[in-house]
Amino acid sequence: DIFGRIVGLLTGGGFSHVSVSPDLGSDVFYSFNIKGFAVERPLAHSPR
């Protein structure tokens, strides 16, 4: 999306989002997105 591309360009690293997991085997990460605090499952849910 436009926001993601702008962030990637401005930060120089290409990445527009980061999340953290205390247990990689659970496929549960925590972060913030436009809706607020988010519990993310990147392997179970793949946004277009």
ModelCIF file with pLDDT and N, C-alpha, C, O atoms, coordinates in Angstrom:
data_MODEL
#
_entry.id   MODEL 
#
_entity.id                         1 
_entity.type                       polymer 
_entity.pdbx_number_of_molecules   1 
#
_entity_poly.entity_id                      1 
_entity_poly.type                           'polypeptide(L)' 
_entity_poly.nstd_linkage                   no 
_entity_poly.nstd_monomer                   no 
_entity_poly.pdbx_seq_one_letter_code       DIFGRIVGLLTGGGFSHVSVSPDLGSDVFYSFNIKGFAVERPLAHSPR 
_entity_poly.pdbx_seq_one_letter_code_can   DIFGRIVGLLTGGGFSHVSVSPDLGSDVFYSFNIKGFAVERPLAHSPR 
_entity_poly.pdbx_strand_id                 A 
#
loop_
_entity_poly_seq.entity_id 
_entity_poly_seq.num 
_entity_poly_seq.mon_id 
_entity_poly_seq.hetero 
1 1  ASP n 
1 2  ILE n 
1 3  PHE n 
1 4  GLY n 
1 5  ARG n 
1 6  ILE n 
1 7  VAL n 
1 8  GLY n 
1 9  LEU n 
1 10 LEU n 
1 11 THR n 
1 12 GLY n 
1 13 GLY n 
1 14 GLY n 
1 15 PHE n 
1 16 SER n 
1 17 HIS n 
1 18 VAL n 
1 19 SER n 
1 20 VAL n 
1 21 SER n 
1 22 PRO n 
1 23 ASP n 
1 24 LEU n 
1 25 GLY n 
1 26 SER n 
1 27 ASP n 
1 28 VAL n 
1 29 PHE n 
1 30 TYR n 
1 31 SER n 
1 32 PHE n 
1 33 ASN n 
1 34 ILE n 
1 35 LYS n 
1 36 GLY n 
1 37 PHE n 
1 38 ALA n 
1 39 VAL n 
1 40 GLU n 
1 41 ARG n 
1 42 PRO n 
1 43 LEU n 
1 44 ALA n 
1 45 HIS n 
1 46 SER n 
1 47 PRO n 
1 48 ARG n 
#
_struct_asym.id          A 
_struct_asym.entity_id   1 
#
loop_
_ma_qa_metric.id 
_ma_qa_metric.mode 
_ma_qa_metric.name 
_ma_qa_metric.software_group_id 
_ma_qa_metric.type 
1 global pLDDT . pLDDT 
2 local  pLDDT . pLDDT 
#
_ma_qa_metric_global.metric_id      1 
_ma_qa_metric_global.metric_value   82.44 
_ma_qa_metric_global.model_id       1 
_ma_qa_metric_global.ordinal_id     1 
#
loop_
_ma_qa_metric_local.label_asym_id 
_ma_qa_metric_local.label_comp_id 
_ma_qa_metric_local.label_seq_id 
_ma_qa_metric_local.metric_id 
_ma_qa_metric_local.metric_value 
_ma_qa_metric_local.model_id 
_ma_qa_metric_local.ordinal_id 
A ASP 1  2 69.00 1 1  
A ILE 2  2 69.00 1 2  
A PHE 3  2 71.00 1 3  
A GLY 4  2 70.00 1 4  
A ARG 5  2 72.00 1 5  
A ILE 6  2 73.00 1 6  
A VAL 7  2 72.00 1 7  
A GLY 8  2 68.00 1 8  
A LEU 9  2 72.00 1 9  
A LEU 10 2 71.00 1 10 
A THR 11 2 65.00 1 11 
A GLY 12 2 63.00 1 12 
A GLY 13 2 59.00 1 13 
A GLY 14 2 75.00 1 14 
A PHE 15 2 84.00 1 15 
A SER 16 2 84.00 1 16 
A HIS 17 2 90.00 1 17 
A VAL 18 2 93.00 1 18 
A SER 19 2 96.00 1 19 
A VAL 20 2 97.00 1 20 
A SER 21 2 96.00 1 21 
A PRO 22 2 95.00 1 22 
A ASP 23 2 90.00 1 23 
A LEU 24 2 82.00 1 24 
A GLY 25 2 81.00 1 25 
A SER 26 2 82.00 1 26 
A ASP 27 2 86.00 1 27 
A VAL 28 2 94.00 1 28 
A PHE 29 2 96.00 1 29 
A TYR 30 2 97.00 1 30 
A SER 31 2 97.00 1 31 
A PHE 32 2 96.00 1 32 
A ASN 33 2 91.00 1 33 
A ILE 34 2 89.00 1 34 
A LYS 35 2 92.00 1 35 
A GLY 36 2 96.00 1 36 
A PHE 37 2 97.00 1 37 
A ALA 38 2 95.00 1 38 
A VAL 39 2 95.00 1 39 
A GLU 40 2 93.00 1 40 
A ARG 41 2 92.00 1 41 
A PRO 42 2 87.00 1 42 
A LEU 43 2 83.00 1 43 
A ALA 44 2 79.00 1 44 
A HIS 45 2 72.00 1 45 
A SER 46 2 67.00 1 46 
A PRO 47 2 63.00 1 47 
A ARG 48 2 61.00 1 48 
#
loop_
_atom_site.group_PDB 
_atom_site.id 
_atom_site.type_symbol 
_atom_site.label_atom_id 
_atom_site.label_alt_id 
_atom_site.label_comp_id 
_atom_site.label_asym_id 
_atom_site.label_entity_id 
_atom_site.label_seq_id 
_atom_site.pdbx_PDB_ins_code 
_atom_site.Cartn_x 
_atom_site.Cartn_y 
_atom_site.Cartn_z 
_atom_site.occupancy 
_atom_site.B_iso_or_equiv 
_atom_site.pdbx_formal_charge 
_atom_site.auth_seq_id 
_atom_site.auth_comp_id 
_atom_site.auth_asym_id 
_atom_site.auth_atom_id 
_atom_site.pdbx_PDB_model_num 
ATOM 1   N N  . ASP A 1 1  ? 0.840  -1.199  0.000  1.00 69.00 ? 1  ASP A N  1 
ATOM 2   C CA . ASP A 1 1  ? 0.000  0.000   0.000  1.00 69.00 ? 1  ASP A CA 1 
ATOM 3   C C  . ASP A 1 1  ? 0.877  1.251   0.000  1.00 69.00 ? 1  ASP A C  1 
ATOM 4   O O  . ASP A 1 1  ? 2.082  1.174   0.242  1.00 69.00 ? 1  ASP A O  1 
ATOM 5   N N  . ILE A 1 2  ? 0.271  2.387   -0.270 1.00 69.00 ? 2  ILE A N  1 
ATOM 6   C CA . ILE A 1 2  ? 1.024  3.634   -0.384 1.00 69.00 ? 2  ILE A CA 1 
ATOM 7   C C  . ILE A 1 2  ? 1.799  3.944   0.891  1.00 69.00 ? 2  ILE A C  1 
ATOM 8   O O  . ILE A 1 2  ? 2.967  4.328   0.843  1.00 69.00 ? 2  ILE A O  1 
ATOM 9   N N  . PHE A 1 3  ? 1.127  3.770   2.041  1.00 71.00 ? 3  PHE A N  1 
ATOM 10  C CA . PHE A 1 3  ? 1.776  4.047   3.323  1.00 71.00 ? 3  PHE A CA 1 
ATOM 11  C C  . PHE A 1 3  ? 3.009  3.157   3.496  1.00 71.00 ? 3  PHE A C  1 
ATOM 12  O O  . PHE A 1 3  ? 4.074  3.635   3.889  1.00 71.00 ? 3  PHE A O  1 
ATOM 13  N N  . GLY A 1 4  ? 2.861  1.852   3.199  1.00 70.00 ? 4  GLY A N  1 
ATOM 14  C CA . GLY A 1 4  ? 3.965  0.925   3.358  1.00 70.00 ? 4  GLY A CA 1 
ATOM 15  C C  . GLY A 1 4  ? 5.132  1.251   2.460  1.00 70.00 ? 4  GLY A C  1 
ATOM 16  O O  . GLY A 1 4  ? 6.285  1.173   2.884  1.00 70.00 ? 4  GLY A O  1 
ATOM 17  N N  . ARG A 1 5  ? 4.849  1.617   1.225  1.00 72.00 ? 5  ARG A N  1 
ATOM 18  C CA . ARG A 1 5  ? 5.920  1.962   0.290  1.00 72.00 ? 5  ARG A CA 1 
ATOM 19  C C  . ARG A 1 5  ? 6.653  3.226   0.713  1.00 72.00 ? 5  ARG A C  1 
ATOM 20  O O  . ARG A 1 5  ? 7.877  3.305   0.608  1.00 72.00 ? 5  ARG A O  1 
ATOM 21  N N  . ILE A 1 6  ? 5.906  4.215   1.191  1.00 73.00 ? 6  ILE A N  1 
ATOM 22  C CA . ILE A 1 6  ? 6.537  5.459   1.648  1.00 73.00 ? 6  ILE A CA 1 
ATOM 23  C C  . ILE A 1 6  ? 7.449  5.191   2.834  1.00 73.00 ? 6  ILE A C  1 
ATOM 24  O O  . ILE A 1 6  ? 8.573  5.691   2.892  1.00 73.00 ? 6  ILE A O  1 
ATOM 25  N N  . VAL A 1 7  ? 6.953  4.390   3.787  1.00 72.00 ? 7  VAL A N  1 
ATOM 26  C CA . VAL A 1 7  ? 7.755  4.075   4.970  1.00 72.00 ? 7  VAL A CA 1 
ATOM 27  C C  . VAL A 1 7  ? 9.038  3.342   4.559  1.00 72.00 ? 7  VAL A C  1 
ATOM 28  O O  . VAL A 1 7  ? 10.126 3.650   5.047  1.00 72.00 ? 7  VAL A O  1 
ATOM 29  N N  . GLY A 1 8  ? 8.893  2.368   3.655  1.00 68.00 ? 8  GLY A N  1 
ATOM 30  C CA . GLY A 1 8  ? 10.060 1.621   3.209  1.00 68.00 ? 8  GLY A CA 1 
ATOM 31  C C  . GLY A 1 8  ? 11.099 2.502   2.552  1.00 68.00 ? 8  GLY A C  1 
ATOM 32  O O  . GLY A 1 8  ? 12.296 2.346   2.795  1.00 68.00 ? 8  GLY A O  1 
ATOM 33  N N  . LEU A 1 9  ? 10.648 3.429   1.718  1.00 72.00 ? 9  LEU A N  1 
ATOM 34  C CA . LEU A 1 9  ? 11.573 4.327   1.030  1.00 72.00 ? 9  LEU A CA 1 
ATOM 35  C C  . LEU A 1 9  ? 12.258 5.283   2.000  1.00 72.00 ? 9  LEU A C  1 
ATOM 36  O O  . LEU A 1 9  ? 13.464 5.517   1.912  1.00 72.00 ? 9  LEU A O  1 
ATOM 37  N N  . LEU A 1 10 ? 11.480 5.830   2.921  1.00 71.00 ? 10 LEU A N  1 
ATOM 38  C CA . LEU A 1 10 ? 12.033 6.807   3.862  1.00 71.00 ? 10 LEU A CA 1 
ATOM 39  C C  . LEU A 1 10 ? 13.002 6.179   4.863  1.00 71.00 ? 10 LEU A C  1 
ATOM 40  O O  . LEU A 1 10 ? 13.952 6.830   5.297  1.00 71.00 ? 10 LEU A O  1 
ATOM 41  N N  . THR A 1 11 ? 12.769 4.925   5.230  1.00 65.00 ? 11 THR A N  1 
ATOM 42  C CA . THR A 1 11 ? 13.635 4.285   6.226  1.00 65.00 ? 11 THR A CA 1 
ATOM 43  C C  . THR A 1 11 ? 14.846 3.622   5.600  1.00 65.00 ? 11 THR A C  1 
ATOM 44  O O  . THR A 1 11 ? 15.790 3.267   6.305  1.00 65.00 ? 11 THR A O  1 
ATOM 45  N N  . GLY A 1 12 ? 14.834 3.449   4.292  1.00 63.00 ? 12 GLY A N  1 
ATOM 46  C CA . GLY A 1 12 ? 16.001 2.892   3.622  1.00 63.00 ? 12 GLY A CA 1 
ATOM 47  C C  . GLY A 1 12 ? 16.129 1.388   3.700  1.00 63.00 ? 12 GLY A C  1 
ATOM 48  O O  . GLY A 1 12 ? 16.925 0.799   2.968  1.00 63.00 ? 12 GLY A O  1 
ATOM 49  N N  . GLY A 1 13 ? 15.366 0.753   4.569  1.00 59.00 ? 13 GLY A N  1 
ATOM 50  C CA . GLY A 1 13 ? 15.503 -0.684  4.721  1.00 59.00 ? 13 GLY A CA 1 
ATOM 51  C C  . GLY A 1 13 ? 14.451 -1.482  3.976  1.00 59.00 ? 13 GLY A C  1 
ATOM 52  O O  . GLY A 1 13 ? 14.541 -2.706  3.875  1.00 59.00 ? 13 GLY A O  1 
ATOM 53  N N  . GLY A 1 14 ? 13.442 -0.775  3.451  1.00 75.00 ? 14 GLY A N  1 
ATOM 54  C CA . GLY A 1 14 ? 12.398 -1.462  2.715  1.00 75.00 ? 14 GLY A CA 1 
ATOM 55  C C  . GLY A 1 14 ? 11.301 -2.047  3.585  1.00 75.00 ? 14 GLY A C  1 
ATOM 56  O O  . GLY A 1 14 ? 10.239 -2.407  3.077  1.00 75.00 ? 14 GLY A O  1 
ATOM 57  N N  . PHE A 1 15 ? 11.536 -2.150  4.886  1.00 84.00 ? 15 PHE A N  1 
ATOM 58  C CA . PHE A 1 15 ? 10.544 -2.727  5.787  1.00 84.00 ? 15 PHE A CA 1 
ATOM 59  C C  . PHE A 1 15 ? 9.646  -1.632  6.361  1.00 84.00 ? 15 PHE A C  1 
ATOM 60  O O  . PHE A 1 15 ? 10.118 -0.582  6.799  1.00 84.00 ? 15 PHE A O  1 
ATOM 61  N N  . SER A 1 16 ? 8.347  -1.903  6.347  1.00 84.00 ? 16 SER A N  1 
ATOM 62  C CA . SER A 1 16 ? 7.399  -0.910  6.849  1.00 84.00 ? 16 SER A CA 1 
ATOM 63  C C  . SER A 1 16 ? 6.706  -1.354  8.125  1.00 84.00 ? 16 SER A C  1 
ATOM 64  O O  . SER A 1 16 ? 5.902  -0.605  8.681  1.00 84.00 ? 16 SER A O  1 
ATOM 65  N N  . HIS A 1 17 ? 7.003  -2.569  8.606  1.00 90.00 ? 17 HIS A N  1 
ATOM 66  C CA . HIS A 1 17 ? 6.336  -3.080  9.805  1.00 90.00 ? 17 HIS A CA 1 
ATOM 67  C C  . HIS A 1 17 ? 7.264  -4.032  10.549 1.00 90.00 ? 17 HIS A C  1 
ATOM 68  O O  . HIS A 1 17 ? 8.050  -4.760  9.941  1.00 90.00 ? 17 HIS A O  1 
ATOM 69  N N  . VAL A 1 18 ? 7.158  -4.014  11.878 1.00 93.00 ? 18 VAL A N  1 
ATOM 70  C CA . VAL A 1 18 ? 7.923  -4.948  12.716 1.00 93.00 ? 18 VAL A CA 1 
ATOM 71  C C  . VAL A 1 18 ? 7.034  -5.410  13.860 1.00 93.00 ? 18 VAL A C  1 
ATOM 72  O O  . VAL A 1 18 ? 6.228  -4.637  14.379 1.00 93.00 ? 18 VAL A O  1 
ATOM 73  N N  . SER A 1 19 ? 7.177  -6.655  14.246 1.00 96.00 ? 19 SER A N  1 
ATOM 74  C CA . SER A 1 19 ? 6.414  -7.221  15.359 1.00 96.00 ? 19 SER A CA 1 
ATOM 75  C C  . SER A 1 19 ? 7.336  -8.109  16.178 1.00 96.00 ? 19 SER A C  1 
ATOM 76  O O  . SER A 1 19 ? 8.414  -8.482  15.715 1.00 96.00 ? 19 SER A O  1 
ATOM 77  N N  . VAL A 1 20 ? 6.921  -8.447  17.385 1.00 97.00 ? 20 VAL A N  1 
ATOM 78  C CA . VAL A 1 20 ? 7.766  -9.211  18.300 1.00 97.00 ? 20 VAL A CA 1 
ATOM 79  C C  . VAL A 1 20 ? 7.029  -10.450 18.813 1.00 97.00 ? 20 VAL A C  1 
ATOM 80  O O  . VAL A 1 20 ? 5.821  -10.415 19.045 1.00 97.00 ? 20 VAL A O  1 
ATOM 81  N N  . SER A 1 21 ? 7.771  -11.537 18.984 1.00 96.00 ? 21 SER A N  1 
ATOM 82  C CA . SER A 1 21 ? 7.204  -12.767 19.542 1.00 96.00 ? 21 SER A CA 1 
ATOM 83  C C  . SER A 1 21 ? 8.131  -13.319 20.618 1.00 96.00 ? 21 SER A C  1 
ATOM 84  O O  . SER A 1 21 ? 9.336  -13.432 20.398 1.00 96.00 ? 21 SER A O  1 
ATOM 85  N N  . PRO A 1 22 ? 7.572  -13.667 21.794 1.00 95.00 ? 22 PRO A N  1 
ATOM 86  C CA . PRO A 1 22 ? 8.380  -14.307 22.837 1.00 95.00 ? 22 PRO A CA 1 
ATOM 87  C C  . PRO A 1 22 ? 8.418  -15.822 22.675 1.00 95.00 ? 22 PRO A C  1 
ATOM 88  O O  . PRO A 1 22 ? 9.092  -16.518 23.434 1.00 95.00 ? 22 PRO A O  1 
ATOM 89  N N  . ASP A 1 23 ? 7.686  -16.329 21.678 1.00 90.00 ? 23 ASP A N  1 
ATOM 90  C CA . ASP A 1 23 ? 7.589  -17.777 21.460 1.00 90.00 ? 23 ASP A CA 1 
ATOM 91  C C  . ASP A 1 23 ? 7.359  -18.032 19.977 1.00 90.00 ? 23 ASP A C  1 
ATOM 92  O O  . ASP A 1 23 ? 6.219  -18.082 19.516 1.00 90.00 ? 23 ASP A O  1 
ATOM 93  N N  . LEU A 1 24 ? 8.453  -18.192 19.230 1.00 82.00 ? 24 LEU A N  1 
ATOM 94  C CA . LEU A 1 24 ? 8.360  -18.326 17.782 1.00 82.00 ? 24 LEU A CA 1 
ATOM 95  C C  . LEU A 1 24 ? 7.552  -19.546 17.366 1.00 82.00 ? 24 LEU A C  1 
ATOM 96  O O  . LEU A 1 24 ? 6.880  -19.519 16.335 1.00 82.00 ? 24 LEU A O  1 
ATOM 97  N N  . GLY A 1 25 ? 7.606  -20.605 18.146 1.00 81.00 ? 25 GLY A N  1 
ATOM 98  C CA . GLY A 1 25 ? 6.890  -21.820 17.796 1.00 81.00 ? 25 GLY A CA 1 
ATOM 99  C C  . GLY A 1 25 ? 5.386  -21.673 17.802 1.00 81.00 ? 25 GLY A C  1 
ATOM 100 O O  . GLY A 1 25 ? 4.684  -22.537 17.277 1.00 81.00 ? 25 GLY A O  1 
ATOM 101 N N  . SER A 1 26 ? 4.863  -20.591 18.389 1.00 82.00 ? 26 SER A N  1 
ATOM 102 C CA . SER A 1 26 ? 3.412  -20.399 18.481 1.00 82.00 ? 26 SER A CA 1 
ATOM 103 C C  . SER A 1 26 ? 2.833  -19.642 17.292 1.00 82.00 ? 26 SER A C  1 
ATOM 104 O O  . SER A 1 26 ? 1.613  -19.590 17.136 1.00 82.00 ? 26 SER A O  1 
ATOM 105 N N  . ASP A 1 27 ? 3.685  -19.052 16.449 1.00 86.00 ? 27 ASP A N  1 
ATOM 106 C CA . ASP A 1 27 ? 3.242  -18.212 15.340 1.00 86.00 ? 27 ASP A CA 1 
ATOM 107 C C  . ASP A 1 27 ? 2.320  -17.097 15.824 1.00 86.00 ? 27 ASP A C  1 
ATOM 108 O O  . ASP A 1 27 ? 1.313  -16.800 15.182 1.00 86.00 ? 27 ASP A O  1 
ATOM 109 N N  . VAL A 1 28 ? 2.662  -16.477 16.959 1.00 94.00 ? 28 VAL A N  1 
ATOM 110 C CA . VAL A 1 28 ? 1.905  -15.332 17.472 1.00 94.00 ? 28 VAL A CA 1 
ATOM 111 C C  . VAL A 1 28 ? 2.894  -14.194 17.703 1.00 94.00 ? 28 VAL A C  1 
ATOM 112 O O  . VAL A 1 28 ? 3.861  -14.334 18.452 1.00 94.00 ? 28 VAL A O  1 
ATOM 113 N N  . PHE A 1 29 ? 2.633  -13.068 17.047 1.00 96.00 ? 29 PHE A N  1 
ATOM 114 C CA . PHE A 1 29 ? 3.468  -11.886 17.181 1.00 96.00 ? 29 PHE A CA 1 
ATOM 115 C C  . PHE A 1 29 ? 2.603  -10.724 17.675 1.00 96.00 ? 29 PHE A C  1 
ATOM 116 O O  . PHE A 1 29 ? 1.382  -10.734 17.522 1.00 96.00 ? 29 PHE A O  1 
ATOM 117 N N  . TYR A 1 30 ? 3.255  -9.729  18.268 1.00 97.00 ? 30 TYR A N  1 
ATOM 118 C CA . TYR A 1 30 ? 2.548  -8.585  18.834 1.00 97.00 ? 30 TYR A CA 1 
ATOM 119 C C  . TYR A 1 30 ? 3.107  -7.301  18.245 1.00 97.00 ? 30 TYR A C  1 
ATOM 120 O O  . TYR A 1 30 ? 4.316  -7.161  18.063 1.00 97.00 ? 30 TYR A O  1 
ATOM 121 N N  . SER A 1 31 ? 2.212  -6.363  17.949 1.00 97.00 ? 31 SER A N  1 
ATOM 122 C CA . SER A 1 31 ? 2.641  -5.101  17.362 1.00 97.00 ? 31 SER A CA 1 
ATOM 123 C C  . SER A 1 31 ? 1.492  -4.101  17.424 1.00 97.00 ? 31 SER A C  1 
ATOM 124 O O  . SER A 1 31 ? 0.495  -4.317  18.112 1.00 97.00 ? 31 SER A O  1 
ATOM 125 N N  . PHE A 1 32 ? 1.654  -3.003  16.688 1.00 96.00 ? 32 PHE A N  1 
ATOM 126 C CA . PHE A 1 32 ? 0.586  -2.023  16.494 1.00 96.00 ? 32 PHE A CA 1 
ATOM 127 C C  . PHE A 1 32 ? 0.374  -1.834  15.003 1.00 96.00 ? 32 PHE A C  1 
ATOM 128 O O  . PHE A 1 32 ? 1.330  -1.791  14.229 1.00 96.00 ? 32 PHE A O  1 
ATOM 129 N N  . ASN A 1 33 ? -0.882 -1.721  14.608 1.00 91.00 ? 33 ASN A N  1 
ATOM 130 C CA . ASN A 1 33 ? -1.195 -1.336  13.239 1.00 91.00 ? 33 ASN A CA 1 
ATOM 131 C C  . ASN A 1 33 ? -2.207 -0.197  13.282 1.00 91.00 ? 33 ASN A C  1 
ATOM 132 O O  . ASN A 1 33 ? -2.472 0.359   14.349 1.00 91.00 ? 33 ASN A O  1 
ATOM 133 N N  . ILE A 1 34 ? -2.768 0.149   12.142 1.00 89.00 ? 34 ILE A N  1 
ATOM 134 C CA . ILE A 1 34 ? -3.640 1.307   12.061 1.00 89.00 ? 34 ILE A CA 1 
ATOM 135 C C  . ILE A 1 34 ? -4.864 1.190   12.977 1.00 89.00 ? 34 ILE A C  1 
ATOM 136 O O  . ILE A 1 34 ? -5.486 2.197   13.315 1.00 89.00 ? 34 ILE A O  1 
ATOM 137 N N  . LYS A 1 35 ? -5.209 -0.044  13.378 1.00 92.00 ? 35 LYS A N  1 
ATOM 138 C CA . LYS A 1 35 ? -6.364 -0.260  14.249 1.00 92.00 ? 35 LYS A CA 1 
ATOM 139 C C  . LYS A 1 35 ? -5.998 -0.239  15.730 1.00 92.00 ? 35 LYS A C  1 
ATOM 140 O O  . LYS A 1 35 ? -6.885 -0.252  16.583 1.00 92.00 ? 35 LYS A O  1 
ATOM 141 N N  . GLY A 1 36 ? -4.713 -0.207  16.044 1.00 96.00 ? 36 GLY A N  1 
ATOM 142 C CA . GLY A 1 36 ? -4.277 -0.208  17.436 1.00 96.00 ? 36 GLY A CA 1 
ATOM 143 C C  . GLY A 1 36 ? -3.418 -1.413  17.760 1.00 96.00 ? 36 GLY A C  1 
ATOM 144 O O  . GLY A 1 36 ? -2.725 -1.935  16.887 1.00 96.00 ? 36 GLY A O  1 
ATOM 145 N N  . PHE A 1 37 ? -3.457 -1.861  19.011 1.00 97.00 ? 37 PHE A N  1 
ATOM 146 C CA . PHE A 1 37 ? -2.662 -3.014  19.424 1.00 97.00 ? 37 PHE A CA 1 
ATOM 147 C C  . PHE A 1 37 ? -3.134 -4.254  18.668 1.00 97.00 ? 37 PHE A C  1 
ATOM 148 O O  . PHE A 1 37 ? -4.335 -4.490  18.544 1.00 97.00 ? 37 PHE A O  1 
ATOM 149 N N  . ALA A 1 38 ? -2.187 -5.046  18.163 1.00 95.00 ? 38 ALA A N  1 
ATOM 150 C CA . ALA A 1 38 ? -2.549 -6.169  17.311 1.00 95.00 ? 38 ALA A CA 1 
ATOM 151 C C  . ALA A 1 38 ? -1.845 -7.455  17.718 1.00 95.00 ? 38 ALA A C  1 
ATOM 152 O O  . ALA A 1 38 ? -0.652 -7.462  18.024 1.00 95.00 ? 38 ALA A O  1 
ATOM 153 N N  . VAL A 1 39 ? -2.611 -8.543  17.714 1.00 95.00 ? 39 VAL A N  1 
ATOM 154 C CA . VAL A 1 39 ? -2.061 -9.896  17.862 1.00 95.00 ? 39 VAL A CA 1 
ATOM 155 C C  . VAL A 1 39 ? -2.038 -10.477 16.458 1.00 95.00 ? 39 VAL A C  1 
ATOM 156 O O  . VAL A 1 39 ? -3.087 -10.659 15.839 1.00 95.00 ? 39 VAL A O  1 
ATOM 157 N N  . GLU A 1 40 ? -0.849 -10.769 15.956 1.00 93.00 ? 40 GLU A N  1 
ATOM 158 C CA . GLU A 1 40 ? -0.689 -11.170 14.566 1.00 93.00 ? 40 GLU A CA 1 
ATOM 159 C C  . GLU A 1 40 ? -0.276 -12.636 14.450 1.00 93.00 ? 40 GLU A C  1 
ATOM 160 O O  . GLU A 1 40 ? 0.508  -13.142 15.253 1.00 93.00 ? 40 GLU A O  1 
ATOM 161 N N  . ARG A 1 41 ? -0.812 -13.293 13.450 1.00 92.00 ? 41 ARG A N  1 
ATOM 162 C CA . ARG A 1 41 ? -0.434 -14.679 13.116 1.00 92.00 ? 41 ARG A CA 1 
ATOM 163 C C  . ARG A 1 41 ? -0.035 -14.699 11.647 1.00 92.00 ? 41 ARG A C  1 
ATOM 164 O O  . ARG A 1 41 ? -0.858 -15.022 10.790 1.00 92.00 ? 41 ARG A O  1 
ATOM 165 N N  . PRO A 1 42 ? 1.206  -14.362 11.344 1.00 87.00 ? 42 PRO A N  1 
ATOM 166 C CA . PRO A 1 42 ? 1.626  -14.176 9.945  1.00 87.00 ? 42 PRO A CA 1 
ATOM 167 C C  . PRO A 1 42 ? 1.540  -15.427 9.075  1.00 87.00 ? 42 PRO A C  1 
ATOM 168 O O  . PRO A 1 42 ? 1.408  -15.315 7.856  1.00 87.00 ? 42 PRO A O  1 
ATOM 169 N N  . LEU A 1 43 ? 1.612  -16.612 9.674  1.00 83.00 ? 43 LEU A N  1 
ATOM 170 C CA . LEU A 1 43 ? 1.514  -17.828 8.871  1.00 83.00 ? 43 LEU A CA 1 
ATOM 171 C C  . LEU A 1 43 ? 0.073  -18.241 8.633  1.00 83.00 ? 43 LEU A C  1 
ATOM 172 O O  . LEU A 1 43 ? -0.233 -18.891 7.633  1.00 83.00 ? 43 LEU A O  1 
ATOM 173 N N  . ALA A 1 44 ? -0.807 -17.869 9.539  1.00 79.00 ? 44 ALA A N  1 
ATOM 174 C CA . ALA A 1 44 ? -2.218 -18.229 9.404  1.00 79.00 ? 44 ALA A CA 1 
ATOM 175 C C  . ALA A 1 44 ? -2.992 -17.212 8.579  1.00 79.00 ? 44 ALA A C  1 
ATOM 176 O O  . ALA A 1 44 ? -4.011 -17.540 7.972  1.00 79.00 ? 44 ALA A O  1 
ATOM 177 N N  . HIS A 1 45 ? -2.503 -15.974 8.560  1.00 72.00 ? 45 HIS A N  1 
ATOM 178 C CA . HIS A 1 45 ? -3.219 -14.906 7.853  1.00 72.00 ? 45 HIS A CA 1 
ATOM 179 C C  . HIS A 1 45 ? -2.248 -14.185 6.941  1.00 72.00 ? 45 HIS A C  1 
ATOM 180 O O  . HIS A 1 45 ? -1.229 -13.675 7.407  1.00 72.00 ? 45 HIS A O  1 
ATOM 181 N N  . SER A 1 46 ? -2.544 -14.132 5.646  1.00 67.00 ? 46 SER A N  1 
ATOM 182 C CA . SER A 1 46 ? -1.663 -13.506 4.664  1.00 67.00 ? 46 SER A CA 1 
ATOM 183 C C  . SER A 1 46 ? -2.397 -12.387 3.929  1.00 67.00 ? 46 SER A C  1 
ATOM 184 O O  . SER A 1 46 ? -3.083 -12.649 2.940  1.00 67.00 ? 46 SER A O  1 
ATOM 185 N N  . PRO A 1 47 ? -2.266 -11.143 4.396  1.00 63.00 ? 47 PRO A N  1 
ATOM 186 C CA . PRO A 1 47 ? -2.927 -10.021 3.722  1.00 63.00 ? 47 PRO A CA 1 
ATOM 187 C C  . PRO A 1 47 ? -2.434 -9.882  2.278  1.00 63.00 ? 47 PRO A C  1 
ATOM 188 O O  . PRO A 1 47 ? -1.262 -10.125 1.991  1.00 63.00 ? 47 PRO A O  1 
ATOM 189 N N  . ARG A 1 48 ? -3.334 -9.493  1.377  1.00 61.00 ? 48 ARG A N  1 
ATOM 190 C CA . ARG A 1 48 ? -2.948 -9.345  -0.024 1.00 61.00 ? 48 ARG A CA 1 
ATOM 191 C C  . ARG A 1 48 ? -1.829 -8.343  -0.220 1.00 61.00 ? 48 ARG A C  1 
ATOM 192 O O  . ARG A 1 48 ? -1.397 -8.112  -1.349 1.00 61.00 ? 48 ARG A O  1 
#
